[in-house]
Amino acid sequence: MALVTTRLKTTGLHCPSCSMLIQMDVGDMEGVASVHADHHSGLAEVEHDPELVRPDEIVAAIVKLGYGAEVESD
C-alpha cells in the first residue's frame, strides 16, 4: 500500500468541532490512514491509499457534511 497525501482547501469550518467532525468522518473511510483538518487555515491533509479512495471521494464526503472542499492545486 503506497500512501499519498492529498491537500484540500475547505470552507465553512468555524471551530475545532468542525475540524474534528471531518477528521472522524473522513478517517473512517476505507483506505484513509490519517486526516488533519485545521479550521484556522481551512486546510486539510489526508494520507490515503489512492487505489482504495480517490480525492474526489474525499471531497464528496466533506461536502456531504455541509462544508466546502476542493483539492488544492500545486
Protein backbone atom coordinates (compact mmCIF):
# COMPACT_ATOMS: atom_id res chain seq x y z
CA MET A 1 0.00 0.00 0.00
CA ALA A 2 1.64 3.21 -1.24
CA LEU A 3 0.13 6.14 0.60
CA VAL A 4 -0.20 9.63 -0.84
CA THR A 5 -1.12 12.90 0.85
CA THR A 6 -3.88 14.98 -0.67
CA ARG A 7 -4.18 18.60 0.45
CA LEU A 8 -7.62 20.16 0.39
CA LYS A 9 -8.89 23.70 0.80
CA THR A 10 -12.04 23.67 2.92
CA THR A 11 -14.64 26.31 3.69
CA GLY A 12 -17.23 26.63 6.42
CA LEU A 13 -15.09 25.32 9.30
CA HIS A 14 -15.66 27.65 12.25
CA CYS A 15 -14.40 25.77 15.29
CA PRO A 16 -12.41 22.76 16.50
CA SER A 17 -15.59 20.65 16.39
CA CYS A 18 -15.85 21.23 12.64
CA SER A 19 -12.29 20.01 12.19
CA MET A 20 -12.93 17.01 14.44
CA LEU A 21 -16.07 16.05 12.51
CA ILE A 22 -14.14 15.97 9.22
CA GLN A 23 -11.27 14.05 10.82
CA MET A 24 -13.64 11.44 12.23
CA ASP A 25 -15.80 11.03 9.12
CA VAL A 26 -13.03 11.01 6.52
CA GLY A 27 -10.81 8.98 8.85
CA ASP A 28 -13.43 6.21 8.81
CA MET A 29 -13.23 5.87 5.03
CA GLU A 30 -11.59 2.71 3.70
CA GLY A 31 -8.04 3.44 2.59
CA VAL A 32 -7.58 6.58 4.72
CA ALA A 33 -4.60 6.37 7.07
CA SER A 34 -4.74 9.82 8.65
CA VAL A 35 -6.57 13.13 8.46
CA HIS A 36 -5.68 16.56 9.78
CA ALA A 37 -8.16 19.40 9.29
CA ASP A 38 -7.37 22.91 10.54
CA HIS A 39 -10.32 25.25 10.97
CA HIS A 40 -7.98 28.28 11.25
CA SER A 41 -6.29 27.85 7.87
CA GLY A 42 -9.06 25.90 6.14
CA LEU A 43 -6.53 23.29 5.05
CA ALA A 44 -6.98 19.57 5.38
CA GLU A 45 -4.39 16.89 4.68
CA VAL A 46 -5.49 13.33 4.07
CA GLU A 47 -2.99 10.48 3.87
CA HIS A 48 -4.61 7.68 1.89
CA ASP A 49 -4.18 4.75 -0.46
CA PRO A 50 -5.17 6.09 -3.91
CA GLU A 51 -6.18 2.59 -5.01
CA LEU A 52 -8.87 2.44 -2.29
CA VAL A 53 -10.11 6.03 -2.08
CA ARG A 54 -9.86 8.84 -4.64
CA PRO A 55 -9.51 12.56 -3.84
CA ASP A 56 -12.96 13.25 -5.35
CA GLU A 57 -14.49 10.74 -2.91
CA ILE A 58 -12.81 12.56 -0.01
CA VAL A 59 -14.15 15.90 -1.29
CA ALA A 60 -17.65 14.37 -1.61
CA ALA A 61 -17.52 13.12 2.00
CA ILE A 62 -16.60 16.59 3.28
CA VAL A 63 -19.30 18.26 1.17
CA LYS A 64 -21.85 15.75 2.49
CA LEU A 65 -21.03 17.01 5.99
CA GLY A 66 -22.01 20.52 4.90
CA TYR A 67 -18.60 22.04 4.25
CA GLY A 68 -16.94 23.19 1.06
CA ALA A 69 -13.87 21.33 -0.18
CA GLU A 70 -11.63 21.16 -3.21
CA VAL A 71 -8.26 19.61 -3.92
CA GLU A 72 -5.56 22.23 -3.54
CA SER A 73 -3.68 22.73 -6.80
CA ASP A 74 0.11 22.93 -6.76
